[in-house]
Amino acid sequence: MNKLQTTKTYKKAFNRGNARIWIEGNILNSHKLTNGMRFTKERIDDDELLLSFAASFPEGIKSNKIAGTIDRPIIDMTGKWLTDFFGDAEKYTCQFDEETKTITIIRGGLV
């Protein structure tokens, strides 16, 4: 059975003056990314972030949690680190991969 792969572009949001990534709802559910799952963030290069998902991670590995509800999971990330990552980019593209349980976030969209 083929695993789902989807690409979607979002507009950068803001919260208290800092850039914000907000991903919610069906796009997460369709890739089997549910509320309560943990994820790590890794900056791949100047233009890419990699989010890796699992039910849990070993102790000592810093991770975040998908918020929201079963029907409406939410990934919400904000902060100065994200403002620095985005620079002057107004959009970002997410590549969702169900097989690897990852989301690659590309600043400014696909090149």
Protein backbone atom coordinates (compact mmCIF):
# COMPACT_ATOMS: atom_id res chain seq x y z
CA MET A 1 0.00 0.00 0.00
CA ASN A 2 1.32 3.43 -0.98
CA LYS A 3 1.84 5.97 1.75
CA LEU A 4 0.45 9.45 1.29
CA GLN A 5 2.69 12.37 0.31
CA THR A 6 1.27 15.89 0.05
CA THR A 7 2.68 19.34 -0.56
CA LYS A 8 0.87 22.45 0.66
CA THR A 9 1.88 26.13 0.80
CA TYR A 10 0.91 28.34 3.74
CA LYS A 11 1.15 32.04 4.47
CA LYS A 12 3.44 32.95 7.38
CA ALA A 13 1.45 34.04 10.44
CA PHE A 14 2.51 36.14 13.43
CA ASN A 15 2.04 35.95 17.19
CA ARG A 16 3.23 38.79 19.44
CA GLY A 17 5.59 40.08 16.77
CA ASN A 18 7.21 36.71 15.99
CA ALA A 19 6.68 34.44 13.00
CA ARG A 20 4.32 31.52 13.51
CA ILE A 21 3.75 28.19 11.80
CA TRP A 22 0.18 26.93 12.23
CA ILE A 23 -0.88 23.62 10.65
CA GLU A 24 -4.18 22.05 11.63
CA GLY A 25 -6.93 19.59 10.85
CA ASN A 26 -7.44 17.15 8.02
CA ILE A 27 -3.99 17.50 6.47
CA LEU A 28 -2.47 16.12 9.69
CA ASN A 29 -5.11 13.43 10.19
CA SER A 30 -4.76 12.21 6.61
CA HIS A 31 -1.03 11.63 7.23
CA LYS A 32 -1.74 9.87 10.56
CA LEU A 33 -0.28 12.73 12.62
CA THR A 34 -2.58 12.94 15.63
CA ASN A 35 -2.90 15.06 18.75
CA GLY A 36 -0.56 13.93 21.50
CA MET A 37 2.16 12.69 19.12
CA ARG A 38 5.62 14.10 19.78
CA PHE A 39 7.91 15.74 17.21
CA THR A 40 11.44 17.00 17.00
CA LYS A 41 12.61 20.04 15.03
CA GLU A 42 15.84 20.07 13.05
CA ARG A 43 17.12 22.87 10.87
CA ILE A 44 18.46 21.20 7.73
CA ASP A 45 19.88 24.34 6.12
CA ASP A 46 19.04 28.04 5.72
CA ASP A 47 15.76 27.25 3.95
CA GLU A 48 14.51 23.98 5.48
CA LEU A 49 13.20 22.65 8.79
CA LEU A 50 12.49 18.96 9.36
CA LEU A 51 9.80 17.86 11.79
CA SER A 52 10.03 14.14 12.72
CA PHE A 53 7.10 12.46 14.49
CA ALA A 54 6.77 9.52 16.89
CA ALA A 55 4.58 8.42 19.78
CA SER A 56 7.53 9.23 22.08
CA PHE A 57 11.26 9.94 22.02
CA PRO A 58 14.00 8.71 24.36
CA GLU A 59 14.60 10.73 27.49
CA GLY A 60 16.93 13.63 26.87
CA ILE A 61 15.69 14.32 23.33
CA LYS A 62 13.79 17.60 23.28
CA SER A 63 10.44 17.29 21.56
CA ASN A 64 7.17 19.16 21.14
CA LYS A 65 3.63 17.79 21.14
CA ILE A 66 0.83 18.03 18.58
CA ALA A 67 -1.93 19.96 20.35
CA GLY A 68 -5.63 20.19 19.63
CA THR A 69 -8.17 17.38 19.58
CA ILE A 70 -8.57 14.04 17.82
CA ASP A 71 -10.66 15.70 15.11
CA ARG A 72 -8.53 18.84 14.87
CA PRO A 73 -4.84 18.28 15.65
CA ILE A 74 -2.70 21.43 15.67
CA ILE A 75 0.99 22.11 15.16
CA ASP A 76 1.72 25.59 16.50
CA MET A 77 5.28 26.90 16.55
CA THR A 78 6.36 30.48 17.18
CA GLY A 79 9.31 32.41 18.51
CA LYS A 80 12.33 34.48 17.62
CA TRP A 81 14.09 31.39 16.22
CA LEU A 82 11.26 31.07 13.68
CA THR A 83 11.32 34.78 12.85
CA ASP A 84 15.07 34.42 12.16
CA PHE A 85 14.45 31.31 10.02
CA PHE A 86 11.81 33.03 7.86
CA GLY A 87 13.67 36.30 7.30
CA ASP A 88 11.64 38.23 4.72
CA ALA A 89 9.85 35.15 3.30
CA GLU A 90 6.06 35.53 3.39
CA LYS A 91 5.14 31.89 2.68
CA TYR A 92 6.33 28.39 3.45
CA THR A 93 5.72 25.05 1.82
CA CYS A 94 5.18 21.85 3.78
CA GLN A 95 5.99 18.46 2.32
CA PHE A 96 4.08 15.85 4.33
CA ASP A 97 5.36 12.26 4.14
CA GLU A 98 3.31 9.56 5.83
CA GLU A 99 5.91 6.83 5.25
CA THR A 100 8.76 8.64 7.01
CA LYS A 101 6.41 10.44 9.45
CA THR A 102 8.01 13.79 8.60
CA ILE A 103 7.09 17.28 7.49
CA THR A 104 9.75 19.23 5.62
CA ILE A 105 9.12 22.97 5.87
CA ILE A 106 10.67 25.02 3.08
CA ARG A 107 11.02 28.74 3.67
CA GLY A 108 9.57 30.81 0.84
CA GLY A 109 8.16 27.76 -0.94
CA LEU A 110 9.63 25.31 -3.41
CA VAL A 111 12.62 26.41 -5.44
